[in-house]
C-alpha atoms as a PDB file:
ATOM      1  CA  MET A   1     109.496 110.185  74.325  1.00  0.00           C
ATOM      2  CA  ILE A   2     109.623 106.419  74.885  1.00  0.00           C
ATOM      3  CA  VAL A   3     112.948 105.000  75.912  1.00  0.00           C
ATOM      4  CA  VAL A   4     113.572 101.364  74.807  1.00  0.00           C
ATOM      5  CA  MET A   5     116.042  99.130  76.838  1.00  0.00           C
ATOM      6  CA  GLY A   6     117.339  96.341  75.364  1.00  0.00           C
ATOM      7  CA  ALA A   7     117.085  97.803  71.643  1.00  0.00           C
ATOM      8  CA  THR A   8     119.585  95.453  70.062  1.00  0.00           C
ATOM      9  CA  GLY A   9     117.631  92.556  71.264  1.00  0.00           C
ATOM     10  CA  ALA A  10     114.943  90.550  69.398  1.00  0.00           C
ATOM     11  CA  THR A  11     111.932  92.405  71.474  1.00  0.00           C
ATOM     12  CA  GLY A  12     113.629  95.609  72.032  1.00  0.00           C
ATOM     13  CA  ASN A  13     114.425  95.994  68.007  1.00  0.00           C
ATOM     14  CA  ALA A  14     111.079  94.799  67.019  1.00  0.00           C
ATOM     15  CA  LEU A  15     109.494  97.530  69.250  1.00  0.00           C
ATOM     16  CA  LEU A  16     111.681 100.245  67.667  1.00  0.00           C
ATOM     17  CA  ARG A  17     110.625  99.763  64.712  1.00  0.00           C
ATOM     18  CA  SER A  18     106.690  99.284  65.677  1.00  0.00           C
ATOM     19  CA  LEU A  19     107.222 102.824  67.447  1.00  0.00           C
ATOM     20  CA  LEU A  20     108.690 104.331  64.527  1.00  0.00           C
ATOM     21  CA  ALA A  21     105.648 102.980  62.253  1.00  0.00           C
ATOM     22  CA  LEU A  22     103.374 104.643  64.584  1.00  0.00           C
ATOM     23  CA  GLY A  23     105.482 107.937  64.415  1.00  0.00           C
ATOM     24  CA  ILE A  24     106.331 107.820  68.093  1.00  0.00           C
ATOM     25  CA  PRO A  25     109.728 109.938  69.390  1.00  0.00           C
ATOM     26  CA  VAL A  26     112.001 106.841  70.729  1.00  0.00           C
ATOM     27  CA  ARG A  27     114.862 106.893  72.527  1.00  0.00           C
ATOM     28  CA  ALA A  28     117.229 103.668  71.957  1.00  0.00           C
ATOM     29  CA  LEU A  29     119.426 102.285  74.468  1.00  0.00           C
ATOM     30  CA  THR A  30     122.246 100.342  74.106  1.00  0.00           C
ATOM     31  CA  ARG A  31     125.629  99.252  76.408  1.00  0.00           C
ATOM     32  CA  ASN A  32     127.672  99.015  73.457  1.00  0.00           C
ATOM     33  CA  PRO A  33     128.047 102.319  71.889  1.00  0.00           C
ATOM     34  CA  HIS A  34     130.678 100.727  69.316  1.00  0.00           C
ATOM     35  CA  ARG A  35     127.551  98.363  67.796  1.00  0.00           C
ATOM     36  CA  PRO A  36     125.078 100.110  65.545  1.00  0.00           C
ATOM     37  CA  VAL A  37     121.507  99.413  66.306  1.00  0.00           C
ATOM     38  CA  PRO A  38     119.304  97.415  64.065  1.00  0.00           C
ATOM     39  CA  GLY A  39     116.432  98.674  61.930  1.00  0.00           C
ATOM     40  CA  LEU A  40     117.116 102.642  62.364  1.00  0.00           C
ATOM     41  CA  THR A  41     118.217 103.429  58.722  1.00  0.00           C
ATOM     42  CA  GLY A  42     115.614 104.421  56.108  1.00  0.00           C
ATOM     43  CA  ALA A  43     114.493 107.677  54.360  1.00  0.00           C
ATOM     44  CA  HIS A  44     111.045 107.102  55.613  1.00  0.00           C
ATOM     45  CA  LEU A  45     111.642 106.640  59.163  1.00  0.00           C
ATOM     46  CA  PRO A  46     111.928 109.461  61.659  1.00  0.00           C
ATOM     47  CA  PRO A  47     115.165 110.084  63.433  1.00  0.00           C
ATOM     48  CA  VAL A  48     115.869 108.012  66.701  1.00  0.00           C
ATOM     49  CA  GLU A  49     117.716 109.017  69.690  1.00  0.00           C
ATOM     50  CA  VAL A  50     120.610 106.472  70.509  1.00  0.00           C
ATOM     51  CA  HIS A  51     122.108 106.896  74.069  1.00  0.00           C
ATOM     52  CA  TYR A  52     124.598 104.680  76.345  1.00  0.00           C
ATOM     53  CA  ALA A  53     123.430 103.325  79.252  1.00  0.00           C
ATOM     54  CA  ASP A  54     124.070 100.559  81.258  1.00  0.00           C
ATOM     55  CA  ALA A  55     122.205  99.235  84.486  1.00  0.00           C
ATOM     56  CA  THR A  56     125.442  98.802  86.465  1.00  0.00           C
ATOM     57  CA  GLU A  57     126.384 102.461  85.925  1.00  0.00           C
ATOM     58  CA  PRO A  58     123.185 104.500  87.689  1.00  0.00           C
ATOM     59  CA  GLN A  59     124.513 107.650  86.152  1.00  0.00           C
ATOM     60  CA  SER A  60     124.184 106.579  82.366  1.00  0.00           C
ATOM     61  CA  LEU A  61     120.676 105.869  83.054  1.00  0.00           C
ATOM     62  CA  ARG A  62     120.297 109.190  84.660  1.00  0.00           C
ATOM     63  CA  THR A  63     121.532 110.877  81.776  1.00  0.00           C
ATOM     64  CA  ALA A  64     119.929 108.302  79.416  1.00  0.00           C
ATOM     65  CA  PHE A  65     116.486 108.460  81.083  1.00  0.00           C
ATOM     66  CA  LYS A  66     115.903 112.533  81.380  1.00  0.00           C
ATOM     67  CA  GLY A  67     113.157 114.471  79.735  1.00  0.00           C
ATOM     68  CA  ALA A  68     111.531 110.869  78.989  1.00  0.00           C
ATOM     69  CA  ASP A  69     108.032 109.890  79.201  1.00  0.00           C
ATOM     70  CA  GLN A  70     107.784 105.951  79.463  1.00  0.00           C
ATOM     71  CA  LEU A  71     110.234 102.999  79.805  1.00  0.00           C
ATOM     72  CA  PHE A  72     110.210  99.828  77.694  1.00  0.00           C
ATOM     73  CA  LEU A  73     112.075  97.555  80.419  1.00  0.00           C
ATOM     74  CA  ALA A  74     113.771  93.885  78.920  1.00  0.00           C
ATOM     75  CA  MET A  75     117.010  92.774  80.468  1.00  0.00           C
ATOM     76  CA  ALA A  76     118.503  89.737  79.906  1.00  0.00           C
ATOM     77  CA  ASN A  77     117.695  87.006  82.429  1.00  0.00           C
ATOM     78  CA  GLY A  78     120.968  86.699  85.182  1.00  0.00           C
ATOM     79  CA  PRO A  79     122.172  86.144  88.594  1.00  0.00           C
ATOM     80  CA  GLU A  80     121.640  90.141  89.169  1.00  0.00           C
ATOM     81  CA  GLN A  81     118.935  90.883  87.315  1.00  0.00           C
ATOM     82  CA  VAL A  82     116.805  91.365  90.277  1.00  0.00           C
ATOM     83  CA  GLU A  83     119.027  94.094  91.488  1.00  0.00           C
ATOM     84  CA  LEU A  84     119.517  95.470  88.236  1.00  0.00           C
ATOM     85  CA  GLU A  85     116.124  95.835  87.647  1.00  0.00           C
ATOM     86  CA  SER A  86     114.995  97.576  90.860  1.00  0.00           C
ATOM     87  CA  ARG A  87     117.822 100.171  90.233  1.00  0.00           C
ATOM     88  CA  VAL A  88     116.632 100.899  87.004  1.00  0.00           C
ATOM     89  CA  ILE A  89     113.102 101.267  88.532  1.00  0.00           C
ATOM     90  CA  ASP A  90     113.773 103.492  90.983  1.00  0.00           C
ATOM     91  CA  ILE A  91     115.863 105.798  88.735  1.00  0.00           C
ATOM     92  CA  ALA A  92     113.181 105.978  86.375  1.00  0.00           C
ATOM     93  CA  ALA A  93     110.809 107.039  88.973  1.00  0.00           C
ATOM     94  CA  ASP A  94     113.537 109.383  90.341  1.00  0.00           C
ATOM     95  CA  THR A  95     113.920 110.872  86.958  1.00  0.00           C
ATOM     96  CA  GLY A  96     110.455 111.481  85.973  1.00  0.00           C
ATOM     97  CA  ILE A  97     109.317 108.374  83.883  1.00  0.00           C
ATOM     98  CA  ARG A  98     105.502 108.068  84.387  1.00  0.00           C
ATOM     99  CA  HIS A  99     104.989 104.457  83.058  1.00  0.00           C
ATOM    100  CA  ILE A 100     106.961 101.339  83.024  1.00  0.00           C
ATOM    101  CA  VAL A 101     106.106  98.578  80.733  1.00  0.00           C
ATOM    102  CA  LYS A 102     108.185  95.499  81.759  1.00  0.00           C
ATOM    103  CA  VAL A 103     109.032  91.930  80.366  1.00  0.00           C
ATOM    104  CA  SER A 104     108.451  89.289  82.688  1.00  0.00           C
ATOM    105  CA  ALA A 105     107.985  85.737  82.566  1.00  0.00           C
ATOM    106  CA  PRO A 106     104.890  83.403  83.245  1.00  0.00           C
ATOM    107  CA  ALA A 107     104.914  81.756  86.436  1.00  0.00           C
ATOM    108  CA  ALA A 108     106.057  84.840  88.195  1.00  0.00           C
ATOM    109  CA  GLU A 109     105.169  83.834  91.721  1.00  0.00           C
ATOM    110  CA  PRO A 110     107.340  83.746  95.165  1.00  0.00           C
ATOM    111  CA  ASP A 111     107.614  79.752  95.449  1.00  0.00           C
ATOM    112  CA  SER A 112     107.780  79.278  91.466  1.00  0.00           C
ATOM    113  CA  PRO A 113     109.891  76.130  90.818  1.00  0.00           C
ATOM    114  CA  VAL A 114     111.926  78.572  87.998  1.00  0.00           C
ATOM    115  CA  ALA A 115     114.466  80.629  89.468  1.00  0.00           C
ATOM    116  CA  VAL A 116     114.374  83.216  86.934  1.00  0.00           C
ATOM    117  CA  SER A 117     110.579  83.555  87.749  1.00  0.00           C
ATOM    118  CA  ARG A 118     111.176  84.202  91.169  1.00  0.00           C
ATOM    119  CA  GLY A 119     113.491  86.843  90.035  1.00  0.00           C
ATOM    120  CA  HIS A 120     110.702  88.157  87.951  1.00  0.00           C
ATOM    121  CA  HIS A 121     108.435  88.644  90.948  1.00  0.00           C
ATOM    122  CA  ALA A 122     110.463  90.140  93.051  1.00  0.00           C
ATOM    123  CA  VAL A 123     111.245  93.092  90.514  1.00  0.00           C
ATOM    124  CA  GLU A 124     107.185  93.319  90.342  1.00  0.00           C
ATOM    125  CA  GLU A 125     106.850  93.497  93.562  1.00  0.00           C
ATOM    126  CA  HIS A 126     109.011  96.310  93.685  1.00  0.00           C
ATOM    127  CA  LEU A 127     107.410  98.054  90.929  1.00  0.00           C
ATOM    128  CA  ARG A 128     103.932  97.786  92.732  1.00  0.00           C
ATOM    129  CA  ALA A 129     105.732  98.691  95.978  1.00  0.00           C
ATOM    130  CA  GLY A 130     107.393 101.964  94.468  1.00  0.00           C
ATOM    131  CA  GLY A 131     103.792 102.858  92.946  1.00  0.00           C
ATOM    132  CA  LEU A 132     104.771 103.973  89.514  1.00  0.00           C
ATOM    133  CA  PRO A 133     102.681 102.880  86.629  1.00  0.00           C
ATOM    134  CA  HIS A 134     103.659  99.918  84.934  1.00  0.00           C
ATOM    135  CA  THR A 135     102.342  97.235  82.761  1.00  0.00           C
ATOM    136  CA  ILE A 136     103.578  93.844  82.759  1.00  0.00           C
ATOM    137  CA  LEU A 137     104.290  91.607  80.090  1.00  0.00           C
ATOM    138  CA  ARG A 138     104.484  87.998  80.808  1.00  0.00           C
ATOM    139  CA  PRO A 139     105.547  85.893  77.311  1.00  0.00           C
ATOM    140  CA  TYR A 140     106.188  82.497  76.794  1.00  0.00           C
ATOM    141  CA  ALA A 141     108.993  81.081  75.041  1.00  0.00           C
ATOM    142  CA  PHE A 142     110.662  83.141  72.214  1.00  0.00           C
ATOM    143  CA  MET A 143     110.077  81.773  68.896  1.00  0.00           C
ATOM    144  CA  GLN A 144     113.356  83.196  68.091  1.00  0.00           C
ATOM    145  CA  ASN A 145     115.017  80.996  70.550  1.00  0.00           C
ATOM    146  CA  LEU A 146     113.980  77.990  68.157  1.00  0.00           C
ATOM    147  CA  LEU A 147     116.728  79.225  66.307  1.00  0.00           C
ATOM    148  CA  ARG A 148     119.725  77.991  68.703  1.00  0.00           C
ATOM    149  CA  LEU A 149     118.579  74.497  68.047  1.00  0.00           C
ATOM    150  CA  ALA A 150     119.773  75.121  64.170  1.00  0.00           C
ATOM    151  CA  PRO A 151     122.956  73.363  64.620  1.00  0.00           C
ATOM    152  CA  THR A 152     121.818  69.848  65.884  1.00  0.00           C
ATOM    153  CA  VAL A 153     118.334  70.095  63.537  1.00  0.00           C
ATOM    154  CA  GLY A 154     121.141  70.049  60.922  1.00  0.00           C
ATOM    155  CA  GLN A 155     121.911  66.755  62.380  1.00  0.00           C
ATOM    156  CA  GLY A 156     118.610  65.281  62.559  1.00  0.00           C
ATOM    157  CA  LEU A 157     118.173  66.083  66.481  1.00  0.00           C
ATOM    158  CA  ILE A 158     116.346  67.885  68.882  1.00  0.00           C
ATOM    159  CA  LEU A 159     116.934  67.226  72.579  1.00  0.00           C
ATOM    160  CA  GLY A 160     114.894  68.140  75.513  1.00  0.00           C
ATOM    161  CA  THR A 161     113.446  67.138  78.665  1.00  0.00           C
ATOM    162  CA  THR A 162     109.463  67.655  77.520  1.00  0.00           C
ATOM    163  CA  GLY A 163     108.470  64.531  76.507  1.00  0.00           C
ATOM    164  CA  ASP A 164     105.149  64.893  74.558  1.00  0.00           C
ATOM    165  CA  ALA A 165     104.024  67.912  76.804  1.00  0.00           C
ATOM    166  CA  PRO A 166     102.702  70.646  74.834  1.00  0.00           C
ATOM    167  CA  CYS A 167     104.807  74.320  75.275  1.00  0.00           C
ATOM    168  CA  ASN A 168     103.976  77.472  74.342  1.00  0.00           C
ATOM    169  CA  HIS A 169     105.725  79.986  72.254  1.00  0.00           C
ATOM    170  CA  ILE A 170     105.619  83.573  70.810  1.00  0.00           C
ATOM    171  CA  ASP A 171     107.132  85.521  68.032  1.00  0.00           C
ATOM    172  CA  CYS A 172     109.091  88.293  69.843  1.00  0.00           C
ATOM    173  CA  ARG A 173     107.415  90.741  67.146  1.00  0.00           C
ATOM    174  CA  ASP A 174     104.124  90.002  68.999  1.00  0.00           C
ATOM    175  CA  ILE A 175     105.658  90.846  72.515  1.00  0.00           C
ATOM    176  CA  ALA A 176     106.796  94.245  70.555  1.00  0.00           C
ATOM    177  CA  ASP A 177     103.576  95.092  69.199  1.00  0.00           C
ATOM    178  CA  VAL A 178     101.834  94.373  72.416  1.00  0.00           C
ATOM    179  CA  ALA A 179     104.223  96.618  74.097  1.00  0.00           C
ATOM    180  CA  ALA A 180     103.839  99.251  71.611  1.00  0.00           C
ATOM    181  CA  ALA A 181      99.817  98.999  72.421  1.00  0.00           C
ATOM    182  CA  ALA A 182     100.467  99.215  76.025  1.00  0.00           C
ATOM    183  CA  LEU A 183     102.789 102.623  75.525  1.00  0.00           C
ATOM    184  CA  THR A 184     100.589 104.017  73.033  1.00  0.00           C
ATOM    185  CA  ARG A 185      97.007 102.738  74.631  1.00  0.00           C
ATOM    186  CA  PRO A 186      96.179 104.000  77.466  1.00  0.00           C
ATOM    187  CA  GLU A 187      93.122 101.435  77.964  1.00  0.00           C
ATOM    188  CA  ILE A 188      95.881  98.926  77.585  1.00  0.00           C
ATOM    189  CA  ALA A 189      98.621 100.276  80.271  1.00  0.00           C
ATOM    190  CA  GLY A 190      98.576  99.347  83.665  1.00  0.00           C
ATOM    191  CA  GLY A 191      97.523  95.144  83.096  1.00  0.00           C
ATOM    192  CA  VAL A 192      99.501  91.902  83.451  1.00  0.00           C
ATOM    193  CA  HIS A 193      99.216  90.011  80.114  1.00  0.00           C
ATOM    194  CA  THR A 194     100.388  86.477  79.583  1.00  0.00           C
ATOM    195  CA  LEU A 195     101.286  86.419  75.580  1.00  0.00           C
ATOM    196  CA  THR A 196     101.449  83.103  73.459  1.00  0.00           C
ATOM    197  CA  GLY A 197     101.097  82.328  70.263  1.00  0.00           C
ATOM    198  CA  SER A 198      98.032  80.263  69.024  1.00  0.00           C
ATOM    199  CA  GLU A 199      99.472  77.124  69.514  1.00  0.00           C
ATOM    200  CA  ALA A 200     101.073  74.820  71.929  1.00  0.00           C
ATOM    201  CA  VAL A 201     102.980  72.201  70.411  1.00  0.00           C
ATOM    202  CA  SER A 202     105.418  69.472  71.883  1.00  0.00           C
ATOM    203  CA  TYR A 203     109.064  69.138  71.043  1.00  0.00           C
ATOM    204  CA  PRO A 204     108.239  65.825  69.210  1.00  0.00           C
ATOM    205  CA  ASP A 205     105.669  67.749  66.749  1.00  0.00           C
ATOM    206  CA  ILE A 206     108.227  70.195  66.069  1.00  0.00           C
ATOM    207  CA  ALA A 207     110.768  68.031  65.027  1.00  0.00           C
ATOM    208  CA  ARG A 208     108.080  66.052  62.642  1.00  0.00           C
ATOM    209  CA  ARG A 209     107.200  69.894  61.377  1.00  0.00           C
ATOM    210  CA  LEU A 210     111.076  70.622  60.870  1.00  0.00           C
ATOM    211  CA  SER A 211     111.122  66.794  59.106  1.00  0.00           C
ATOM    212  CA  LEU A 212     108.870  68.288  56.279  1.00  0.00           C
ATOM    213  CA  LEU A 213     109.993  71.714  55.979  1.00  0.00           C
ATOM    214  CA  THR A 214     113.569  70.352  55.804  1.00  0.00           C
ATOM    215  CA  GLY A 215     113.229  67.482  53.728  1.00  0.00           C
ATOM    216  CA  ARG A 216     115.103  65.089  55.720  1.00  0.00           C
ATOM    217  CA  PRO A 217     114.271  63.268  59.210  1.00  0.00           C
ATOM    218  CA  ILE A 218     114.611  65.417  62.563  1.00  0.00           C
ATOM    219  CA  ARG A 219     113.462  62.861  65.507  1.00  0.00           C
ATOM    220  CA  TYR A 220     113.353  64.339  69.480  1.00  0.00           C
ATOM    221  CA  VAL A 221     115.502  62.457  71.684  1.00  0.00           C
ATOM    222  CA  ASP A 222     114.224  63.160  75.431  1.00  0.00           C
ATOM    223  CA  LEU A 223     116.833  63.308  78.063  1.00  0.00           C
ATOM    224  CA  SER A 224     116.769  63.394  81.868  1.00  0.00           C
ATOM    225  CA  ARG A 225     117.008  66.727  83.750  1.00  0.00           C
ATOM    226  CA  ASP A 226     120.666  65.330  84.773  1.00  0.00           C
ATOM    227  CA  GLU A 227     121.923  64.691  81.373  1.00  0.00           C
ATOM    228  CA  LEU A 228     120.467  67.812  79.892  1.00  0.00           C
ATOM    229  CA  ARG A 229     121.992  69.851  82.276  1.00  0.00           C
ATOM    230  CA  ASP A 230     125.392  68.202  81.655  1.00  0.00           C
ATOM    231  CA  HIS A 231     125.058  68.584  77.762  1.00  0.00           C
ATOM    232  CA  LEU A 232     124.500  72.101  78.384  1.00  0.00           C
ATOM    233  CA  VAL A 233     127.494  72.762  80.481  1.00  0.00           C
ATOM    234  CA  HIS A 234     130.182  70.743  79.190  1.00  0.00           C
ATOM    235  CA  ARG A 235     129.039  70.682  75.267  1.00  0.00           C
ATOM    236  CA  ALA A 236     127.460  73.839  75.158  1.00  0.00           C
ATOM    237  CA  ARG A 237     129.393  75.460  77.408  1.00  0.00           C
ATOM    238  CA  MET A 238     126.461  77.466  79.076  1.00  0.00           C
ATOM    239  CA  PRO A 239     126.674  79.048  82.654  1.00  0.00           C
ATOM    240  CA  GLY A 240     125.788  76.689  85.030  1.00  0.00           C
ATOM    241  CA  TRP A 241     122.784  78.650  86.479  1.00  0.00           C
ATOM    242  CA  LEU A 242     121.791  79.252  82.778  1.00  0.00           C
ATOM    243  CA  ALA A 243     121.749  75.166  82.312  1.00  0.00           C
ATOM    244  CA  GLU A 244     119.630  75.016  85.770  1.00  0.00           C
ATOM    245  CA  HIS A 245     117.535  77.953  83.940  1.00  0.00           C
ATOM    246  CA  VAL A 246     116.570  75.791  81.036  1.00  0.00           C
ATOM    247  CA  THR A 247     115.977  72.276  82.710  1.00  0.00           C
ATOM    248  CA  GLU A 248     113.541  73.918  85.407  1.00  0.00           C
ATOM    249  CA  ILE A 249     111.301  76.112  82.745  1.00  0.00           C
ATOM    250  CA  GLN A 250     111.647  72.492  80.532  1.00  0.00           C
ATOM    251  CA  ARG A 251     110.195  70.764  83.983  1.00  0.00           C
ATOM    252  CA  LEU A 252     107.973  73.066  84.901  1.00  0.00           C
ATOM    253  CA  ALA A 253     106.080  72.582  81.164  1.00  0.00           C
ATOM    254  CA  VAL A 254     105.903  68.962  81.693  1.00  0.00           C
ATOM    255  CA  ALA A 255     104.341  69.695  85.730  1.00  0.00           C
ATOM    256  CA  ARG A 256     101.792  72.507  84.370  1.00  0.00           C
ATOM    257  CA  PRO A 257     100.624  71.785  81.050  1.00  0.00           C
ATOM    258  CA  GLU A 258     100.515  74.556  78.741  1.00  0.00           C
ATOM    259  CA  THR A 259      97.640  76.470  76.703  1.00  0.00           C
ATOM    260  CA  PRO A 260      97.706  79.498  74.733  1.00  0.00           C
ATOM    261  CA  THR A 261      95.800  82.581  75.496  1.00  0.00           C
ATOM    262  CA  THR A 262      93.806  84.949  73.568  1.00  0.00           C
ATOM    263  CA  THR A 263      95.820  87.763  74.891  1.00  0.00           C
ATOM    264  CA  VAL A 264      97.702  89.429  71.729  1.00  0.00           C
ATOM    265  CA  ALA A 265      94.372  88.649  69.228  1.00  0.00           C
ATOM    266  CA  ASP A 266      92.483  90.545  72.237  1.00  0.00           C
ATOM    267  CA  ILE A 267      94.721  93.567  72.292  1.00  0.00           C
ATOM    268  CA  LEU A 268      95.908  93.546  68.465  1.00  0.00           C
ATOM    269  CA  GLY A 269      92.844  92.812  67.079  1.00  0.00           C
ATOM    270  CA  ARG A 270      94.441  90.144  64.666  1.00  0.00           C
ATOM    271  CA  PRO A 271      95.779  86.701  65.342  1.00  0.00           C
ATOM    272  CA  PRO A 272      99.750  86.007  66.555  1.00  0.00           C
ATOM    273  CA  ARG A 273     101.975  85.301  64.157  1.00  0.00           C
ATOM    274  CA  GLY A 274     101.825  81.459  63.784  1.00  0.00           C
ATOM    275  CA  LEU A 275     104.638  78.660  64.586  1.00  0.00           C
ATOM    276  CA  ASP A 276     104.319  77.499  61.172  1.00  0.00           C
ATOM    277  CA  ALA A 277     105.183  80.562  59.334  1.00  0.00           C
ATOM    278  CA  PHE A 278     107.911  81.284  61.754  1.00  0.00           C
ATOM    279  CA  LEU A 279     109.684  77.796  60.829  1.00  0.00           C
ATOM    280  CA  THR A 280     108.754  78.339  57.000  1.00  0.00           C
ATOM    281  CA  GLU A 281     110.367  82.052  57.679  1.00  0.00           C
ATOM    282  CA  ASN A 282     113.708  80.532  59.008  1.00  0.00           C
ATOM    283  CA  ARG A 283     113.980  77.186  56.652  1.00  0.00           C
ATOM    284  CA  ASP A 284     117.480  78.097  55.121  1.00  0.00           C
ATOM    285  CA  SER A 285     118.580  78.147  59.251  1.00  0.00           C
ATOM    286  CA  PHE A 286     117.448  74.851  59.635  1.00  0.00           C
ATOM    287  CA  ARG A 287     118.425  73.383  56.482  1.00  0.00           C
ATOM    288  CA  ARG A 288     122.131  73.904  57.260  1.00  0.00           C
ATOM    289  CA  GLU A 289     124.113  70.896  57.948  1.00  0.00           C
ATOM    290  CA  ASP A 290     127.384  72.548  59.296  1.00  0.00           C
ATOM    291  CA  GLY A 291     126.743  71.754  63.125  1.00  0.00           C
ATOM    292  CA  PRO A 292     128.662  69.756  65.522  1.00  0.00           C
ATOM    293  CA  ASP A 293     128.827  66.021  65.716  1.00  0.00           C
ATOM    294  CA  PRO A 294     124.937  64.370  66.519  1.00  0.00           C
ATOM    295  CA  ASP A 295     127.041  62.107  68.635  1.00  0.00           C
ATOM    296  CA  ARG A 296     127.892  64.952  70.736  1.00  0.00           C
ATOM    297  CA  ARG A 297     123.896  66.143  71.664  1.00  0.00           C
ATOM    298  CA  ARG A 298     124.841  69.660  71.978  1.00  0.00           C
ATOM    299  CA  THR A 299     121.939  71.920  73.004  1.00  0.00           C
ATOM    300  CA  THR A 300     122.022  75.659  73.106  1.00  0.00           C
ATOM    301  CA  GLY A 301     119.741  78.232  74.570  1.00  0.00           C
ATOM    302  CA  SER A 302     116.436  77.617  76.490  1.00  0.00           C
ATOM    303  CA  ARG A 303     113.600  75.812  75.711  1.00  0.00           C
END
């Protein structure tokens, strides 16, 4: 039995589908018992256990982990992430979980300039200290997060602080497929895997690609760090810590030019899903013209 935390998120839900396609017993966890978990219906799919669990409620975790062998650990970034993920790991060990696949972050280092990455490093160290077998996945920016740019793309703008720096992106479905491999193939388990797509692409280049795709001019506007943070907080109404995170990861992409890895292809035996294919798949979202006033330069989401 494999327990999937974050079963309603993009990566966790894709993992559910991957495991179900393999016929693996799965237990999906959700913090909202009244919100259906997508993708669980279909005559060809085996039944899935759905459990309520919240990392702030230890007993709910103990109940959800009972009788399971492996855990996929993916939680939303946040100020309490280290505390909550460490608690999850400790309870998993106490309840008999024998292997954890954790979604971490690039630059998960003790002195990383990105606070969230420092937090992931702390959780990784907690995993190592506890001695529980584990696999670490360090994906770069999710392609799915590009959909958060759709409102300003609809008004002809992409905002950022990365200039012409190349940035790695990866489709969450590829992260899920690698996670499924780590959960079902012993030779993959136990490693640290940095995951990217097949190319690193700058935001001006993404703007050019979207211009061709949508048939309307889209331009990239490079802001200062303070300008971007101000727009995120005051226009997108993003929490301060998250706005700071966005500016930190964009600054890091400039300081450390990003290049793709071959990890996804090495593990899955196929190339990762391409950025152009993702943009084309979501063409209708980027063609919308009902976004905010372009003069507001509203920005949402991370890089």
